[in-house]
Protein backbone atom coordinates (compact mmCIF):
# COMPACT_ATOMS: atom_id res chain seq x y z
CA MET A 1 80.11 -49.86 -46.35
CA LYS A 2 78.88 -46.72 -48.03
CA ILE A 3 76.66 -44.76 -45.79
CA ASP A 4 74.01 -42.55 -47.12
CA LEU A 5 74.44 -39.39 -44.69
CA GLU A 6 71.42 -37.90 -46.19
CA ILE A 7 68.55 -40.44 -45.65
CA SER A 8 66.35 -39.64 -42.85
CA PRO A 9 63.48 -41.71 -40.82
CA ALA A 10 60.84 -39.69 -42.80
CA ASP A 11 62.70 -40.82 -45.87
CA LEU A 12 61.80 -44.78 -45.00
CA THR A 13 57.97 -44.14 -44.24
CA ARG A 14 56.88 -45.37 -47.72
CA LYS A 15 59.06 -48.17 -47.80
CA ILE A 16 58.15 -49.24 -44.20
CA GLY A 17 54.38 -48.54 -44.95
CA ARG A 18 55.22 -51.02 -47.79
CA LEU A 19 56.60 -53.79 -45.64
CA TRP A 20 53.67 -53.62 -43.13
CA GLU A 21 50.94 -54.27 -46.01
CA LEU A 22 52.98 -57.36 -47.16
CA SER A 23 53.62 -58.35 -43.38
CA ALA A 24 49.82 -58.52 -42.56
CA GLY A 25 49.28 -60.81 -45.54
CA LYS A 26 52.01 -63.00 -44.67
CA ILE A 27 51.21 -63.39 -41.00
CA LEU A 28 47.52 -64.35 -41.93
CA THR A 29 48.99 -67.00 -44.47
CA LEU A 30 50.75 -68.38 -42.28
CA GLN A 31 48.39 -68.50 -39.16
CA ARG A 32 46.00 -70.27 -41.90
CA ASP A 33 48.50 -72.81 -43.54
CA TYR A 34 51.18 -73.45 -40.60
CA ASP A 35 50.67 -76.85 -39.16
CA ALA A 36 51.14 -76.05 -35.47
CA ALA A 37 51.91 -80.09 -34.92
CA LYS A 38 55.27 -79.34 -36.70
CA GLY A 39 56.66 -77.23 -33.95
CA SER A 40 57.47 -73.40 -34.18
CA PRO A 41 57.81 -72.11 -37.66
CA VAL A 42 61.75 -71.35 -38.06
CA PHE A 43 62.80 -71.01 -41.91
CA THR A 44 61.20 -71.16 -44.99
CA VAL A 45 61.96 -73.63 -47.55
CA ARG A 46 60.34 -72.78 -51.04
CA GLY A 47 58.90 -70.01 -49.54
CA ARG A 48 56.95 -72.17 -47.02
CA TYR A 49 57.72 -71.71 -43.31
CA THR A 50 58.98 -75.11 -41.74
CA GLY A 51 59.85 -76.29 -38.29
CA ARG A 52 63.15 -77.53 -36.50
CA GLY A 53 62.63 -78.87 -33.36
CA TRP A 54 65.71 -77.41 -31.80
CA THR A 55 64.37 -75.49 -28.37
CA GLU A 56 61.53 -73.56 -30.21
CA TRP A 57 63.53 -70.51 -30.21
CA THR A 58 61.52 -68.66 -32.55
CA GLN A 59 58.12 -69.07 -31.32
CA GLY A 60 58.56 -65.60 -29.38
CA PHE A 61 59.36 -63.95 -32.60
CA HIS A 62 56.55 -65.81 -34.41
CA ILE A 63 53.78 -64.54 -32.07
CA GLY A 64 55.52 -61.12 -31.30
CA ALA A 65 55.38 -60.52 -34.70
CA GLN A 66 51.62 -60.14 -34.75
CA ILE A 67 52.01 -57.91 -31.39
CA LEU A 68 54.45 -55.60 -33.59
CA GLN A 69 51.89 -55.73 -36.19
CA PHE A 70 48.89 -54.46 -34.35
CA ASP A 71 51.75 -51.76 -32.65
CA ALA A 72 52.62 -50.21 -36.16
CA THR A 73 49.12 -50.56 -37.84
CA GLY A 74 46.45 -50.67 -35.12
CA GLU A 75 44.88 -53.61 -36.53
CA ALA A 76 43.16 -55.24 -33.45
CA GLU A 77 43.19 -58.86 -35.12
CA PHE A 78 46.52 -59.03 -34.76
CA LEU A 79 46.63 -57.98 -31.44
CA GLU A 80 43.98 -60.67 -30.56
CA GLN A 81 46.35 -63.21 -32.21
CA GLY A 82 49.21 -62.43 -30.26
CA ARG A 83 47.27 -62.06 -26.80
CA SER A 84 45.57 -65.18 -27.29
CA GLN A 85 48.77 -67.42 -28.64
CA THR A 86 50.96 -65.79 -26.02
CA VAL A 87 48.21 -67.29 -23.48
CA GLN A 88 48.08 -70.95 -25.36
CA LEU A 89 51.49 -71.36 -26.08
CA MET A 90 54.20 -69.44 -24.42
CA ALA A 91 53.62 -70.86 -20.79
CA PRO A 92 56.62 -73.68 -21.45
CA HIS A 93 59.02 -71.03 -22.47
CA VAL A 94 58.29 -69.12 -19.32
CA SER A 95 59.90 -72.31 -17.02
CA HIS A 96 62.42 -73.53 -19.79
CA ALA A 97 65.52 -74.24 -17.68
CA GLY A 98 67.37 -75.86 -20.97
CA VAL A 99 67.85 -72.92 -22.98
CA HIS A 100 69.23 -69.28 -22.94
CA ASP A 101 66.96 -67.76 -25.13
CA HIS A 102 64.44 -66.66 -22.89
CA GLY A 103 64.90 -62.89 -23.95
CA PHE A 104 63.98 -63.85 -27.24
CA ASN A 105 60.92 -65.86 -26.63
CA ASN A 106 59.44 -63.93 -23.67
CA VAL A 107 60.42 -60.37 -24.09
CA SER A 108 58.96 -60.82 -27.86
CA THR A 109 55.50 -61.73 -26.29
CA TYR A 110 54.92 -61.09 -22.69
CA GLY A 111 57.30 -58.32 -22.74
CA ASN A 112 55.56 -56.38 -25.68
CA LEU A 113 52.26 -56.86 -24.33
CA LEU A 114 53.04 -55.31 -21.26
CA ARG A 115 54.62 -52.35 -23.08
CA LEU A 116 51.82 -51.52 -24.83
CA MET A 117 49.67 -51.83 -21.77
CA ASN A 118 52.12 -49.28 -20.00
CA GLU A 119 51.70 -46.85 -22.89
CA GLY A 120 47.81 -47.13 -22.97
CA ARG A 121 47.73 -48.82 -26.32
CA ILE A 122 45.72 -51.81 -24.86
CA GLY A 123 43.22 -51.48 -21.92
CA GLU A 124 44.22 -51.76 -18.49
CA ASP A 125 43.16 -55.01 -16.64
CA LYS A 126 44.94 -55.60 -13.65
CA TRP A 127 44.80 -59.30 -13.70
CA GLU A 128 46.11 -59.10 -17.33
CA ARG A 129 48.97 -57.05 -16.22
CA ARG A 130 49.84 -59.31 -13.06
CA TYR A 131 49.75 -62.55 -15.43
CA TYR A 132 52.49 -60.61 -17.90
CA GLU A 133 54.62 -59.57 -14.96
CA LEU A 134 54.47 -62.91 -13.06
CA ALA A 135 55.72 -64.65 -16.49
CA LEU A 136 58.50 -62.05 -17.13
CA LYS A 137 59.54 -62.56 -13.61
CA LEU A 138 59.69 -66.10 -13.39
CA SER A 139 61.22 -66.20 -16.85
CA GLY A 140 64.07 -63.81 -15.91
CA ALA A 141 65.03 -65.79 -12.53
CA THR A 142 65.11 -69.13 -14.58
CA GLN A 143 66.95 -67.63 -17.10
CA ALA A 144 69.73 -66.34 -14.29
CA ARG A 145 69.79 -69.95 -13.01
CA ARG A 146 71.92 -71.07 -15.56
CA TRP A 147 75.06 -69.92 -14.23
CA THR A 148 78.61 -70.52 -14.66
CA ILE A 149 81.01 -69.09 -12.20
CA LEU A 150 84.60 -67.76 -13.50
CA LYS A 151 87.79 -67.92 -11.91
CA ASP A 152 87.44 -64.33 -10.59
CA GLY A 153 84.19 -64.96 -9.21
CA ALA A 154 82.12 -63.29 -11.84
CA GLY A 155 79.98 -65.68 -14.49
CA PHE A 156 77.94 -65.66 -17.48
CA ILE A 157 74.25 -67.44 -18.60
CA TYR A 158 75.59 -70.64 -20.30
CA SER A 159 74.06 -72.05 -23.40
CA PHE A 160 72.19 -74.98 -24.18
CA ASN A 161 75.64 -76.56 -25.18
CA GLY A 162 76.56 -76.61 -21.41
CA PRO A 163 78.30 -74.92 -18.38
CA HIS A 164 81.41 -74.34 -20.31
CA SER A 165 79.72 -72.50 -23.46
CA LEU A 166 78.93 -68.82 -23.75
CA PHE A 167 77.04 -67.86 -26.78
CA VAL A 168 77.35 -64.06 -27.90
CA ASP A 169 73.43 -64.05 -28.67
CA ALA A 170 73.01 -64.53 -25.11
CA ILE A 171 73.48 -60.87 -24.75
CA ARG A 172 70.08 -60.11 -26.36
CA SER A 173 68.54 -62.31 -23.87
CA LEU A 174 69.67 -60.20 -20.83
CA ARG A 175 66.53 -58.08 -21.15
CA ILE A 176 64.56 -60.61 -19.46
CA LEU A 177 66.99 -60.35 -16.54
CA ALA A 178 66.45 -56.35 -16.70
CA LEU A 179 62.57 -56.42 -16.56
CA ALA A 180 62.61 -59.12 -14.08
CA HIS A 181 64.79 -57.02 -11.91
CA GLN A 182 62.78 -53.97 -12.72
CA LEU A 183 59.35 -55.76 -11.27
CA GLY A 184 61.36 -56.55 -8.20
CA GLN A 185 62.36 -60.21 -8.96
CA VAL A 186 65.30 -61.87 -7.43
CA LEU A 187 66.38 -65.56 -8.02
CA MET A 188 66.02 -67.42 -4.54
CA GLU A 189 69.11 -70.37 -4.42
CA GLU A 190 69.43 -72.93 -1.62
CA SER A 191 69.49 -71.66 1.83
CA ASP A 192 67.05 -68.70 0.80
CA VAL A 193 70.17 -66.96 -0.86
CA ARG A 194 68.96 -64.15 -2.60
CA VAL A 195 70.61 -63.56 -5.77
CA SER A 196 70.23 -60.19 -7.76
CA LEU A 197 69.37 -60.22 -11.41
CA LEU A 198 71.10 -57.06 -12.27
CA GLU A 199 73.99 -58.34 -11.22
CA ARG A 200 73.70 -61.59 -13.06
CA LEU A 201 72.95 -59.44 -15.90
CA LYS A 202 75.85 -57.02 -15.52
CA ALA A 203 78.30 -59.70 -14.79
CA HIS A 204 76.88 -61.84 -17.89
CA ALA A 205 77.42 -58.75 -20.21
CA ALA A 206 80.70 -58.28 -18.91
CA ALA A 207 81.77 -61.51 -19.96
CA THR A 208 80.59 -61.47 -23.30
CA ALA A 209 82.63 -57.97 -23.79
CA ASN A 210 85.72 -59.81 -22.36
CA PHE A 211 85.51 -62.94 -23.94
CA SER A 212 83.31 -63.06 -26.89
CA ILE A 213 84.66 -59.71 -28.53
CA TYR A 214 87.81 -58.89 -29.55
CA HIS A 215 89.45 -55.84 -28.71
CA GLY A 216 92.71 -55.66 -30.74
CA ARG A 217 94.88 -56.59 -27.59
CA GLY A 218 96.58 -59.63 -29.30
CA ARG A 219 94.98 -62.57 -27.52
CA ASP A 220 95.34 -64.81 -30.54
CA ALA A 221 96.90 -64.23 -34.10
CA TYR A 222 93.27 -63.04 -35.44
CA ASP A 223 92.74 -60.39 -32.80
CA VAL A 224 90.86 -57.61 -34.38
CA ALA A 225 88.92 -55.07 -32.83
CA GLY A 226 85.29 -55.82 -33.12
CA ARG A 227 85.38 -59.34 -33.94
CA THR A 228 83.10 -61.61 -32.35
CA ALA A 229 83.22 -65.19 -31.38
CA HIS A 230 79.97 -66.98 -31.62
CA GLU A 231 81.09 -69.26 -28.39
CA ALA A 232 83.65 -68.95 -25.68
CA ILE A 233 84.42 -72.03 -24.05
CA PHE A 234 85.68 -72.25 -20.24
CA ASN A 235 87.25 -74.96 -18.08
CA VAL A 236 84.40 -75.10 -15.61
CA ASN A 237 86.74 -77.16 -13.26
CA ASP A 238 88.74 -73.78 -12.29
CA GLY A 239 86.68 -70.84 -14.22
CA ASN A 240 89.36 -70.26 -16.71
CA PHE A 241 88.77 -69.23 -20.41
CA ARG A 242 90.06 -71.63 -22.79
CA CYS A 243 89.39 -70.69 -26.59
CA PRO A 244 86.78 -69.10 -29.22
CA ASN A 245 84.61 -71.76 -30.96
CA SER A 246 81.98 -71.47 -33.44
CA GLN A 247 78.58 -73.38 -33.94
CA GLN A 248 76.91 -71.50 -36.66
CA GLY A 249 79.90 -69.67 -38.26
CA TYR A 250 82.81 -70.96 -40.46
CA SER A 251 85.42 -71.16 -37.53
CA PRO A 252 86.66 -69.62 -34.33
CA PHE A 253 88.75 -67.13 -35.70
CA SER A 254 86.39 -65.84 -38.19
CA THR A 255 83.54 -63.66 -37.59
CA TRP A 256 79.98 -65.19 -38.01
CA THR A 257 78.08 -61.91 -38.83
CA ARG A 258 74.81 -62.79 -37.10
CA GLY A 259 76.65 -63.00 -33.72
CA LEU A 260 78.33 -59.91 -34.52
CA ALA A 261 74.87 -58.05 -35.42
CA TRP A 262 73.32 -60.05 -31.85
CA ALA A 263 76.26 -58.35 -29.86
CA MET A 264 75.66 -54.86 -31.66
CA CYS A 265 72.24 -54.71 -30.98
CA GLY A 266 72.52 -56.25 -27.35
CA PHE A 267 75.33 -53.90 -26.49
CA ALA A 268 73.45 -50.90 -27.50
CA GLU A 269 70.11 -51.88 -25.90
CA GLN A 270 72.03 -52.40 -22.47
CA LEU A 271 73.64 -49.00 -22.48
CA GLU A 272 70.33 -47.80 -22.84
CA PHE A 273 68.76 -49.39 -19.96
CA MET A 274 71.60 -48.63 -17.80
CA GLN A 275 71.51 -45.04 -18.47
CA ALA A 276 67.80 -45.11 -17.57
CA ILE A 277 68.38 -46.89 -14.20
CA GLY A 278 71.15 -44.63 -13.53
CA ASP A 279 73.97 -47.31 -13.27
CA GLY A 280 77.33 -46.09 -14.80
CA TYR A 281 79.73 -48.61 -13.36
CA ILE A 282 79.56 -51.20 -16.25
CA ARG A 283 78.63 -48.54 -19.12
CA PRO A 284 82.23 -47.76 -20.16
CA LEU A 285 82.82 -51.86 -20.96
CA LEU A 286 79.65 -51.85 -22.73
CA LEU A 287 80.47 -48.83 -24.80
CA LYS A 288 83.73 -50.38 -25.57
CA ALA A 289 82.14 -53.40 -27.05
CA ALA A 290 79.36 -51.67 -28.97
CA ARG A 291 81.63 -49.50 -30.50
CA ALA A 292 83.93 -52.25 -31.65
CA THR A 293 81.35 -54.10 -32.96
CA CYS A 294 79.56 -51.63 -34.79
CA GLU A 295 82.94 -50.16 -36.40
CA PHE A 296 83.84 -53.53 -37.48
CA TYR A 297 80.52 -54.17 -39.11
CA ILE A 298 80.79 -51.14 -40.92
CA ASP A 299 84.70 -51.36 -41.88
CA ASN A 300 84.86 -55.09 -42.26
CA ALA A 301 81.69 -57.16 -42.28
CA SER A 302 79.32 -55.37 -44.52
CA ALA A 303 78.83 -54.76 -48.39
CA ALA A 304 78.67 -51.34 -49.77
CA ASP A 305 74.71 -51.35 -48.83
CA GLY A 306 74.73 -52.61 -45.46
CA VAL A 307 73.93 -56.54 -45.94
CA PRO A 308 76.87 -58.53 -45.07
CA TYR A 309 77.67 -62.50 -46.23
CA TRP A 310 77.18 -64.83 -43.62
CA ASP A 311 80.96 -65.02 -42.16
CA THR A 312 83.78 -62.70 -42.69
CA GLY A 313 85.84 -65.77 -43.32
CA ALA A 314 83.97 -67.88 -45.24
CA PRO A 315 85.95 -70.06 -47.55
CA ASN A 316 84.75 -68.74 -50.92
CA LEU A 317 84.42 -65.17 -50.07
CA HIS A 318 87.52 -64.31 -51.90
CA ARG A 319 86.10 -65.41 -55.14
CA LEU A 320 83.90 -62.20 -55.24
CA GLY A 321 86.77 -59.98 -55.29
CA ASP A 322 86.47 -56.75 -53.51
CA TRP A 323 82.90 -57.64 -52.39
CA GLN A 324 82.97 -54.70 -49.72
CA SER A 325 83.02 -51.97 -52.92
CA ARG A 326 79.67 -52.89 -54.16
CA PRO A 327 76.30 -54.24 -53.05
CA ALA A 328 75.72 -57.55 -51.65
CA ASP A 329 74.68 -60.26 -54.25
CA PRO A 330 72.25 -62.70 -52.76
CA PHE A 331 72.31 -64.90 -56.01
CA ASN A 332 76.43 -65.41 -56.43
CA PRO A 333 77.58 -68.65 -56.71
CA HIS A 334 79.90 -68.79 -53.85
CA GLU A 335 78.83 -67.78 -50.93
CA PRO A 336 75.33 -66.45 -49.29
CA VAL A 337 74.30 -63.33 -47.65
CA ASP A 338 72.37 -63.08 -44.20
CA SER A 339 69.92 -60.63 -44.35
CA SER A 340 68.77 -61.54 -40.78
CA ALA A 341 72.39 -60.31 -39.57
CA ALA A 342 71.63 -56.69 -41.38
CA ALA A 343 68.26 -56.47 -39.85
CA ILE A 344 69.65 -57.01 -36.06
CA ALA A 345 72.82 -55.11 -36.93
CA ALA A 346 70.73 -52.08 -38.30
CA GLN A 347 69.03 -51.97 -35.00
CA GLY A 348 72.01 -51.79 -33.10
CA LEU A 349 73.69 -49.00 -34.99
CA LEU A 350 70.51 -46.84 -34.73
CA ARG A 351 70.26 -47.35 -31.03
CA LEU A 352 73.85 -46.77 -30.47
CA GLY A 353 73.87 -43.69 -32.72
CA ARG A 354 71.01 -42.16 -30.83
CA HIS A 355 72.64 -43.02 -27.35
CA LEU A 356 75.91 -41.27 -28.51
CA HIS A 357 74.53 -38.81 -30.98
CA ASN A 358 76.82 -40.12 -33.35
CA LYS A 359 75.63 -39.54 -37.05
CA ARG A 360 77.93 -42.16 -38.45
CA TYR A 361 76.33 -45.10 -36.69
CA TRP A 362 72.59 -43.60 -37.07
CA GLN A 363 72.87 -42.98 -40.72
CA ALA A 364 74.61 -46.54 -41.17
CA GLY A 365 71.68 -48.31 -39.23
CA LEU A 366 69.10 -46.36 -41.76
CA THR A 367 70.98 -47.13 -45.00
CA ILE A 368 70.65 -50.96 -44.10
CA LEU A 369 67.27 -50.41 -43.57
CA LYS A 370 66.65 -48.58 -47.08
CA THR A 371 68.26 -51.69 -48.65
CA LEU A 372 66.44 -54.33 -46.59
CA PHE A 373 62.81 -52.66 -46.93
CA ASP A 374 63.07 -52.68 -50.89
CA GLU A 375 63.77 -55.68 -53.34
CA PRO A 376 65.26 -57.97 -53.71
CA TYR A 377 65.44 -58.45 -49.88
CA LEU A 378 61.67 -57.22 -49.30
CA SER A 379 59.48 -60.39 -50.37
CA ILE A 380 56.57 -59.16 -52.62
CA ASN A 381 55.35 -62.21 -53.54
CA ALA A 382 52.29 -63.22 -51.19
CA LYS A 383 52.62 -66.83 -52.00
CA HIS A 384 55.92 -66.78 -50.18
CA GLN A 385 55.57 -66.76 -46.31
CA GLY A 386 58.79 -65.10 -45.58
CA LEU A 387 59.03 -61.15 -45.23
CA ILE A 388 62.84 -60.68 -45.54
CA LEU A 389 64.69 -62.73 -48.14
CA HIS A 390 68.15 -64.13 -48.73
CA SER A 391 68.61 -65.12 -44.76
CA VAL A 392 70.67 -67.98 -43.48
CA TYR A 393 70.42 -70.46 -40.68
CA HIS A 394 73.00 -72.73 -39.86
CA ARG A 395 75.20 -72.87 -43.41
CA PRO A 396 77.80 -75.56 -41.56
CA ASN A 397 75.16 -77.79 -41.01
CA GLY A 398 73.72 -77.41 -44.48
CA TRP A 399 70.31 -76.89 -42.93
CA ASP A 400 69.59 -74.01 -45.70
CA HIS A 401 67.54 -74.32 -48.99
CA ILE A 402 69.35 -74.09 -52.12
CA PRO A 403 67.04 -73.65 -54.90
CA ARG A 404 67.34 -75.53 -58.19
CA GLY A 405 70.11 -73.55 -60.50
CA GLN A 406 71.82 -72.17 -57.51
CA LYS A 407 74.99 -73.19 -55.62
CA VAL A 408 74.31 -71.20 -52.53
CA PRO A 409 71.54 -70.85 -50.18
CA CYS A 410 69.20 -67.99 -51.11
CA GLY A 411 65.77 -66.87 -51.73
CA GLU A 412 64.61 -67.90 -48.02
CA SER A 413 63.58 -66.61 -44.82
CA GLY A 414 63.93 -66.94 -41.03
CA MET A 415 61.81 -66.21 -38.43
CA TRP A 416 64.29 -63.80 -36.39
CA GLY A 417 65.21 -62.11 -39.46
CA ASP A 418 61.48 -61.29 -40.24
CA TYR A 419 61.01 -60.35 -36.74
CA HIS A 420 63.69 -57.89 -36.28
CA ALA A 421 63.18 -56.28 -39.61
CA ARG A 422 59.46 -55.53 -38.25
CA GLU A 423 60.79 -54.54 -34.88
CA ALA A 424 63.55 -52.41 -36.47
CA ALA A 425 60.71 -50.80 -39.04
CA LEU A 426 58.69 -50.05 -35.85
CA TYR A 427 61.59 -48.37 -34.04
CA VAL A 428 62.07 -46.15 -37.12
CA GLN A 429 58.24 -45.53 -37.66
CA ARG A 430 57.79 -44.37 -34.24
CA ILE A 431 60.85 -41.88 -34.57
CA ALA A 432 59.14 -40.79 -37.75
CA GLU A 433 56.16 -39.95 -36.29
CA GLY A 434 57.01 -38.59 -33.20
CA ARG A 435 55.72 -41.62 -31.13
CA PRO A 436 57.22 -42.84 -28.10
CA TYR A 437 60.75 -44.44 -28.11
CA LEU A 438 60.73 -48.04 -28.67
CA LYS A 439 62.36 -49.75 -25.50
CA PHE A 440 62.02 -53.29 -24.02
CA TYR A 441 62.48 -51.68 -20.35
CA LEU A 442 60.02 -50.15 -17.95
């Protein structure tokens, strides 16, 4: 990656302003035209959002985007949409015991609304506050209940694949445990045993750092520091780690770049949270994982402009030659890029850079956004419902649309990529304008 060492948040304000202008139209178009009976919008096909009923993990991003739009622009209609749809649609996600995505769905909705209330951006109503707080408390406890115990007595929040499965993206769902803990919630188990949500948060973060992230210690022949495995597999009978695996990446021994980005963002946010609550015990391990993943992204996963291809071991990536020396090519005939990974990774780099006062990471994050918030990634076509183009959902399953005349997926958007581009834009905008720092915790 070729890092722009001169760009500043203020330099991005024009692009961010344009992004919010385009975003408003896309939110309104989706609100008007999307058939909610198809489930939550997930990704676009020929520019139109479609559903794919697989845990409805993107519904919080869909509704949360409206709340972010209000946060950035002050346009009240988006706040009212976000509020009303949170009440109407999000309750099932609070008690959904079958997924590991509570931090995605419920922090993006209830969490954002509570944050705006705490900041004085929306009116104070004690019953509305209690409603948001109760939803976050119950969501955090429900998430913490999905627990696999490891041989050393630690454990992790297991994925929807089952108790043997640790997903790297769940590191960002830890936000819900953090908020619920701060609100005074515990998980009540059999015989009135009280389980600390903070301790479960730390144990899961440690398991992710130890088993989902490579640290160059020779665990296998492909152990390069900063690489990530989408899934870590455990023997649930004895709690032993068995092997890496991948669901959405190319292989267990290559790096799915969106999984890498989830780790970068999740570890950086948890470092901020741990600093805020004064808990230093786990911070060295989190810092090690955050540094390793960010370094790997910059040095090994990203093209020159900050955008990665979907997997560092993608089978036809070699056909692109020295792809890291030039900007990513979303229209190439060999392997797709993943702009959604870039949007998530940018925020991880920015947060870690600020946390460490590290210019390399900070400027790398801004460099990515300079690329994403412009063509060919920013969607300027009003008829296209997506905001950030060239996102990939599930390449191995073949779920992504390949346009006529192309050989690999391109030109489409994912709800998670659009949401995280908006979140990153809001993060930088607040810094440029001297507004309160964007954080998920209280």
